[in-house]
Amino acid sequence: MTSEVKKMEYDMRFRSFLRQIMGVSRMKPKEKYLYPIMDGVPFKDLETAILMANIDFGIATNDNENNG
């Protein structure tokens, strides 16, 4: 089980990540700053991980609805 302290740390890390990615997304030219990040393996892995979380959530949600 995840402790409350660990949950707070995850939340802080996530918020920091969002601020940083939004900051990079505002940098011009995007071809120099944002697009190379998006072409990299870590970003593609993150996209895949997010897609998988959405699929897992959808399956869990549908399963809960089907089981009442």
PDB file of N, CA and C in Angstrom:
ATOM      1  N   MET A   1       0.847  -1.183   0.000  1.00  0.00           N
ATOM      2  CA  MET A   1       0.000   0.000   0.000  1.00  0.00           C
ATOM      3  C   MET A   1       0.885   1.236   0.000  1.00  0.00           C
ATOM      4  N   THR A   2       0.464   2.239  -0.711  1.00  0.00           N
ATOM      5  CA  THR A   2       1.233   3.471  -0.828  1.00  0.00           C
ATOM      6  C   THR A   2       0.914   4.394   0.341  1.00  0.00           C
ATOM      7  N   SER A   3       1.966   4.861   1.001  1.00  0.00           N
ATOM      8  CA  SER A   3       1.767   5.739   2.154  1.00  0.00           C
ATOM      9  C   SER A   3       1.302   7.117   1.697  1.00  0.00           C
ATOM     10  N   GLU A   4       0.744   7.864   2.620  1.00  0.00           N
ATOM     11  CA  GLU A   4       0.269   9.219   2.313  1.00  0.00           C
ATOM     12  C   GLU A   4       1.432  10.122   1.892  1.00  0.00           C
ATOM     13  N   VAL A   5       2.600   9.944   2.521  1.00  0.00           N
ATOM     14  CA  VAL A   5       3.782  10.739   2.172  1.00  0.00           C
ATOM     15  C   VAL A   5       4.198  10.433   0.737  1.00  0.00           C
ATOM     16  N   LYS A   6       4.210   9.152   0.395  1.00  0.00           N
ATOM     17  CA  LYS A   6       4.593   8.742  -0.956  1.00  0.00           C
ATOM     18  C   LYS A   6       3.589   9.289  -1.984  1.00  0.00           C
ATOM     19  N   LYS A   7       2.313   9.279  -1.636  1.00  0.00           N
ATOM     20  CA  LYS A   7       1.287   9.827  -2.533  1.00  0.00           C
ATOM     21  C   LYS A   7       1.533  11.314  -2.776  1.00  0.00           C
ATOM     22  N   MET A   8       1.901  12.038  -1.714  1.00  0.00           N
ATOM     23  CA  MET A   8       2.193  13.466  -1.859  1.00  0.00           C
ATOM     24  C   MET A   8       3.412  13.673  -2.753  1.00  0.00           C
ATOM     25  N   GLU A   9       4.427  12.828  -2.586  1.00  0.00           N
ATOM     26  CA  GLU A   9       5.627  12.927  -3.419  1.00  0.00           C
ATOM     27  C   GLU A   9       5.287  12.675  -4.884  1.00  0.00           C
ATOM     28  N   TYR A  10       4.466  11.663  -5.144  1.00  0.00           N
ATOM     29  CA  TYR A  10       4.049  11.389  -6.526  1.00  0.00           C
ATOM     30  C   TYR A  10       3.301  12.580  -7.108  1.00  0.00           C
ATOM     31  N   ASP A  11       2.400  13.143  -6.324  1.00  0.00           N
ATOM     32  CA  ASP A  11       1.614  14.288  -6.790  1.00  0.00           C
ATOM     33  C   ASP A  11       2.513  15.476  -7.106  1.00  0.00           C
ATOM     34  N   MET A  12       3.479  15.741  -6.240  1.00  0.00           N
ATOM     35  CA  MET A  12       4.404  16.856  -6.467  1.00  0.00           C
ATOM     36  C   MET A  12       5.250  16.615  -7.713  1.00  0.00           C
ATOM     37  N   ARG A  13       5.738  15.391  -7.897  1.00  0.00           N
ATOM     38  CA  ARG A  13       6.532  15.053  -9.082  1.00  0.00           C
ATOM     39  C   ARG A  13       5.701  15.213 -10.351  1.00  0.00           C
ATOM     40  N   PHE A  14       4.442  14.758 -10.295  1.00  0.00           N
ATOM     41  CA  PHE A  14       3.572  14.844 -11.460  1.00  0.00           C
ATOM     42  C   PHE A  14       3.295  16.300 -11.825  1.00  0.00           C
ATOM     43  N   ARG A  15       2.993  17.117 -10.834  1.00  0.00           N
ATOM     44  CA  ARG A  15       2.739  18.535 -11.092  1.00  0.00           C
ATOM     45  C   ARG A  15       3.979  19.230 -11.655  1.00  0.00           C
ATOM     46  N   SER A  16       5.146  18.874 -11.141  1.00  0.00           N
ATOM     47  CA  SER A  16       6.398  19.430 -11.650  1.00  0.00           C
ATOM     48  C   SER A  16       6.606  19.016 -13.101  1.00  0.00           C
ATOM     49  N   PHE A  17       6.356  17.750 -13.405  1.00  0.00           N
ATOM     50  CA  PHE A  17       6.477  17.257 -14.775  1.00  0.00           C
ATOM     51  C   PHE A  17       5.555  18.037 -15.710  1.00  0.00           C
ATOM     52  N   LEU A  18       4.303  18.230 -15.296  1.00  0.00           N
ATOM     53  CA  LEU A  18       3.356  18.969 -16.138  1.00  0.00           C
ATOM     54  C   LEU A  18       3.824  20.401 -16.381  1.00  0.00           C
ATOM     55  N   ARG A  19       4.323  21.061 -15.341  1.00  0.00           N
ATOM     56  CA  ARG A  19       4.828  22.430 -15.507  1.00  0.00           C
ATOM     57  C   ARG A  19       5.999  22.463 -16.480  1.00  0.00           C
ATOM     58  N   GLN A  20       6.899  21.501 -16.345  1.00  0.00           N
ATOM     59  CA  GLN A  20       8.073  21.469 -17.215  1.00  0.00           C
ATOM     60  C   GLN A  20       7.694  21.182 -18.662  1.00  0.00           C
ATOM     61  N   ILE A  21       6.812  20.224 -18.893  1.00  0.00           N
ATOM     62  CA  ILE A  21       6.431  19.902 -20.264  1.00  0.00           C
ATOM     63  C   ILE A  21       5.657  21.058 -20.891  1.00  0.00           C
ATOM     64  N   MET A  22       4.849  21.746 -20.103  1.00  0.00           N
ATOM     65  CA  MET A  22       4.138  22.920 -20.635  1.00  0.00           C
ATOM     66  C   MET A  22       5.129  24.039 -20.944  1.00  0.00           C
ATOM     67  N   GLY A  23       6.144  24.194 -20.118  1.00  0.00           N
ATOM     68  CA  GLY A  23       7.179  25.190 -20.377  1.00  0.00           C
ATOM     69  C   GLY A  23       7.913  24.914 -21.678  1.00  0.00           C
ATOM     70  N   VAL A  24       8.285  23.669 -21.891  1.00  0.00           N
ATOM     71  CA  VAL A  24       8.970  23.301 -23.132  1.00  0.00           C
ATOM     72  C   VAL A  24       8.035  23.492 -24.325  1.00  0.00           C
ATOM     73  N   SER A  25       6.762  23.212 -24.144  1.00  0.00           N
ATOM     74  CA  SER A  25       5.816  23.341 -25.257  1.00  0.00           C
ATOM     75  C   SER A  25       5.651  24.791 -25.712  1.00  0.00           C
ATOM     76  N   ARG A  26       5.992  25.742 -24.838  1.00  0.00           N
ATOM     77  CA  ARG A  26       5.889  27.165 -25.204  1.00  0.00           C
ATOM     78  C   ARG A  26       7.174  27.715 -25.821  1.00  0.00           C
ATOM     79  N   MET A  27       8.229  26.916 -25.806  1.00  0.00           N
ATOM     80  CA  MET A  27       9.502  27.370 -26.371  1.00  0.00           C
ATOM     81  C   MET A  27       9.429  27.395 -27.892  1.00  0.00           C
ATOM     82  N   LYS A  28      10.019  28.404 -28.475  1.00  0.00           N
ATOM     83  CA  LYS A  28      10.059  28.555 -29.935  1.00  0.00           C
ATOM     84  C   LYS A  28      11.500  28.497 -30.395  1.00  0.00           C
ATOM     85  N   PRO A  29      11.795  27.888 -31.480  1.00  0.00           N
ATOM     86  CA  PRO A  29      10.903  27.108 -32.331  1.00  0.00           C
ATOM     87  C   PRO A  29      10.696  25.707 -31.765  1.00  0.00           C
ATOM     88  N   LYS A  30       9.491  25.199 -31.938  1.00  0.00           N
ATOM     89  CA  LYS A  30       9.156  23.869 -31.445  1.00  0.00           C
ATOM     90  C   LYS A  30      10.044  22.804 -32.074  1.00  0.00           C
ATOM     91  N   GLU A  31      10.459  23.050 -33.324  1.00  0.00           N
ATOM     92  CA  GLU A  31      11.314  22.086 -34.022  1.00  0.00           C
ATOM     93  C   GLU A  31      12.636  21.863 -33.285  1.00  0.00           C
ATOM     94  N   LYS A  32      13.065  22.871 -32.552  1.00  0.00           N
ATOM     95  CA  LYS A  32      14.342  22.773 -31.840  1.00  0.00           C
ATOM     96  C   LYS A  32      14.181  22.192 -30.433  1.00  0.00           C
ATOM     97  N   TYR A  33      13.078  22.521 -29.764  1.00  0.00           N
ATOM     98  CA  TYR A  33      12.944  22.179 -28.351  1.00  0.00           C
ATOM     99  C   TYR A  33      11.950  21.050 -28.072  1.00  0.00           C
ATOM    100  N   LEU A  34      10.743  21.144 -28.590  1.00  0.00           N
ATOM    101  CA  LEU A  34       9.709  20.168 -28.257  1.00  0.00           C
ATOM    102  C   LEU A  34       9.780  18.916 -29.115  1.00  0.00           C
ATOM    103  N   TYR A  35       9.863  19.083 -30.410  1.00  0.00           N
ATOM    104  CA  TYR A  35       9.771  17.932 -31.309  1.00  0.00           C
ATOM    105  C   TYR A  35      10.874  16.902 -31.096  1.00  0.00           C
ATOM    106  N   PRO A  36      12.114  17.308 -30.826  1.00  0.00           N
ATOM    107  CA  PRO A  36      13.126  16.276 -30.549  1.00  0.00           C
ATOM    108  C   PRO A  36      12.800  15.436 -29.306  1.00  0.00           C
ATOM    109  N   ILE A  37      12.200  16.054 -28.312  1.00  0.00           N
ATOM    110  CA  ILE A  37      11.787  15.301 -27.118  1.00  0.00           C
ATOM    111  C   ILE A  37      10.711  14.294 -27.506  1.00  0.00           C
ATOM    112  N   MET A  38       9.756  14.741 -28.324  1.00  0.00           N
ATOM    113  CA  MET A  38       8.646  13.875 -28.727  1.00  0.00           C
ATOM    114  C   MET A  38       9.111  12.715 -29.600  1.00  0.00           C
ATOM    115  N   ASP A  39      10.219  12.899 -30.328  1.00  0.00           N
ATOM    116  CA  ASP A  39      10.744  11.833 -31.176  1.00  0.00           C
ATOM    117  C   ASP A  39      11.587  10.825 -30.398  1.00  0.00           C
ATOM    118  N   GLY A  40      11.903  11.142 -29.154  1.00  0.00           N
ATOM    119  CA  GLY A  40      12.758  10.268 -28.355  1.00  0.00           C
ATOM    120  C   GLY A  40      12.016   9.086 -27.755  1.00  0.00           C
ATOM    121  N   VAL A  41      12.760   8.063 -27.437  1.00  0.00           N
ATOM    122  CA  VAL A  41      12.194   6.841 -26.852  1.00  0.00           C
ATOM    123  C   VAL A  41      11.483   7.119 -25.522  1.00  0.00           C
ATOM    124  N   PRO A  42      12.040   7.931 -24.610  1.00  0.00           N
ATOM    125  CA  PRO A  42      11.329   8.152 -23.340  1.00  0.00           C
ATOM    126  C   PRO A  42       9.925   8.731 -23.531  1.00  0.00           C
ATOM    127  N   PHE A  43       9.770   9.673 -24.452  1.00  0.00           N
ATOM    128  CA  PHE A  43       8.449  10.269 -24.684  1.00  0.00           C
ATOM    129  C   PHE A  43       7.507   9.225 -25.285  1.00  0.00           C
ATOM    130  N   LYS A  44       8.009   8.452 -26.234  1.00  0.00           N
ATOM    131  CA  LYS A  44       7.181   7.416 -26.846  1.00  0.00           C
ATOM    132  C   LYS A  44       6.782   6.362 -25.812  1.00  0.00           C
ATOM    133  N   ASP A  45       7.694   6.021 -24.915  1.00  0.00           N
ATOM    134  CA  ASP A  45       7.372   5.081 -23.834  1.00  0.00           C
ATOM    135  C   ASP A  45       6.300   5.658 -22.915  1.00  0.00           C
ATOM    136  N   LEU A  46       6.402   6.953 -22.629  1.00  0.00           N
ATOM    137  CA  LEU A  46       5.400   7.608 -21.792  1.00  0.00           C
ATOM    138  C   LEU A  46       4.039   7.602 -22.485  1.00  0.00           C
ATOM    139  N   GLU A  47       4.022   7.887 -23.788  1.00  0.00           N
ATOM    140  CA  GLU A  47       2.762   7.825 -24.534  1.00  0.00           C
ATOM    141  C   GLU A  47       2.140   6.436 -24.430  1.00  0.00           C
ATOM    142  N   THR A  48       2.965   5.412 -24.577  1.00  0.00           N
ATOM    143  CA  THR A  48       2.481   4.034 -24.497  1.00  0.00           C
ATOM    144  C   THR A  48       1.964   3.726 -23.095  1.00  0.00           C
ATOM    145  N   ALA A  49       2.685   4.162 -22.085  1.00  0.00           N
ATOM    146  CA  ALA A  49       2.263   3.918 -20.700  1.00  0.00           C
ATOM    147  C   ALA A  49       0.926   4.603 -20.410  1.00  0.00           C
ATOM    148  N   ILE A  50       0.749   5.815 -20.915  1.00  0.00           N
ATOM    149  CA  ILE A  50      -0.514   6.537 -20.713  1.00  0.00           C
ATOM    150  C   ILE A  50      -1.647   5.827 -21.443  1.00  0.00           C
ATOM    151  N   LEU A  51      -1.387   5.383 -22.673  1.00  0.00           N
ATOM    152  CA  LEU A  51      -2.382   4.639 -23.433  1.00  0.00           C
ATOM    153  C   LEU A  51      -2.790   3.368 -22.680  1.00  0.00           C
ATOM    154  N   MET A  52      -1.811   2.645 -22.151  1.00  0.00           N
ATOM    155  CA  MET A  52      -2.099   1.418 -21.412  1.00  0.00           C
ATOM    156  C   MET A  52      -2.914   1.698 -20.141  1.00  0.00           C
ATOM    157  N   ALA A  53      -2.603   2.779 -19.444  1.00  0.00           N
ATOM    158  CA  ALA A  53      -3.369   3.142 -18.248  1.00  0.00           C
ATOM    159  C   ALA A  53      -4.816   3.450 -18.619  1.00  0.00           C
ATOM    160  N   ASN A  54      -5.011   4.152 -19.727  1.00  0.00           N
ATOM    161  CA  ASN A  54      -6.368   4.460 -20.186  1.00  0.00           C
ATOM    162  C   ASN A  54      -7.123   3.195 -20.580  1.00  0.00           C
ATOM    163  N   ILE A  55      -6.439   2.273 -21.241  1.00  0.00           N
ATOM    164  CA  ILE A  55      -7.075   1.002 -21.606  1.00  0.00           C
ATOM    165  C   ILE A  55      -7.433   0.218 -20.355  1.00  0.00           C
ATOM    166  N   ASP A  56      -6.487   0.111 -19.415  1.00  0.00           N
ATOM    167  CA  ASP A  56      -6.741  -0.610 -18.160  1.00  0.00           C
ATOM    168  C   ASP A  56      -7.901   0.014 -17.396  1.00  0.00           C
ATOM    169  N   PHE A  57      -7.947   1.337 -17.352  1.00  0.00           N
ATOM    170  CA  PHE A  57      -9.025   2.033 -16.653  1.00  0.00           C
ATOM    171  C   PHE A  57     -10.360   1.752 -17.342  1.00  0.00           C
ATOM    172  N   GLY A  58     -10.355   1.796 -18.676  1.00  0.00           N
ATOM    173  CA  GLY A  58     -11.579   1.519 -19.422  1.00  0.00           C
ATOM    174  C   GLY A  58     -12.072   0.108 -19.189  1.00  0.00           C
ATOM    175  N   ILE A  59     -11.164  -0.859 -19.153  1.00  0.00           N
ATOM    176  CA  ILE A  59     -11.539  -2.249 -18.895  1.00  0.00           C
ATOM    177  C   ILE A  59     -12.102  -2.381 -17.485  1.00  0.00           C
ATOM    178  N   ALA A  60     -11.433  -1.764 -16.509  1.00  0.00           N
ATOM    179  CA  ALA A  60     -11.894  -1.835 -15.125  1.00  0.00           C
ATOM    180  C   ALA A  60     -13.257  -1.161 -14.984  1.00  0.00           C
ATOM    181  N   THR A  61     -13.437  -0.030 -15.632  1.00  0.00           N
ATOM    182  CA  THR A  61     -14.704   0.691 -15.554  1.00  0.00           C
ATOM    183  C   THR A  61     -15.824  -0.137 -16.178  1.00  0.00           C
ATOM    184  N   ASN A  62     -15.564  -0.686 -17.357  1.00  0.00           N
ATOM    185  CA  ASN A  62     -16.573  -1.513 -18.023  1.00  0.00           C
ATOM    186  C   ASN A  62     -16.878  -2.761 -17.214  1.00  0.00           C
ATOM    187  N   ASP A  63     -15.849  -3.363 -16.615  1.00  0.00           N
ATOM    188  CA  ASP A  63     -16.045  -4.562 -15.808  1.00  0.00           C
ATOM    189  C   ASP A  63     -16.906  -4.244 -14.584  1.00  0.00           C
ATOM    190  N   ASN A  64     -16.652  -3.092 -13.962  1.00  0.00           N
ATOM    191  CA  ASN A  64     -17.442  -2.704 -12.792  1.00  0.00           C
ATOM    192  C   ASN A  64     -18.897  -2.469 -13.182  1.00  0.00           C
ATOM    193  N   GLU A  65     -19.107  -1.864 -14.347  1.00  0.00           N
ATOM    194  CA  GLU A  65     -20.482  -1.611 -14.805  1.00  0.00           C
ATOM    195  C   GLU A  65     -21.195  -2.920 -15.130  1.00  0.00           C
ATOM    196  N   ASN A  66     -20.454  -3.883 -15.685  1.00  0.00           N
ATOM    197  CA  ASN A  66     -21.064  -5.168 -16.056  1.00  0.00           C
ATOM    198  C   ASN A  66     -21.363  -6.032 -14.841  1.00  0.00           C
ATOM    199  N   ASN A  67     -20.577  -5.863 -13.765  1.00  0.00           N
ATOM    200  CA  ASN A  67     -20.774  -6.682 -12.562  1.00  0.00           C
ATOM    201  C   ASN A  67     -21.702  -6.027 -11.545  1.00  0.00           C
ATOM    202  N   GLY A  68     -22.128  -4.799 -11.829  1.00  0.00           N
ATOM    203  CA  GLY A  68     -23.060  -4.113 -10.967  1.00  0.00           C
ATOM    204  C   GLY A  68     -22.478  -3.816  -9.650  1.00  0.00           C
TER     205      GLY A  68
END
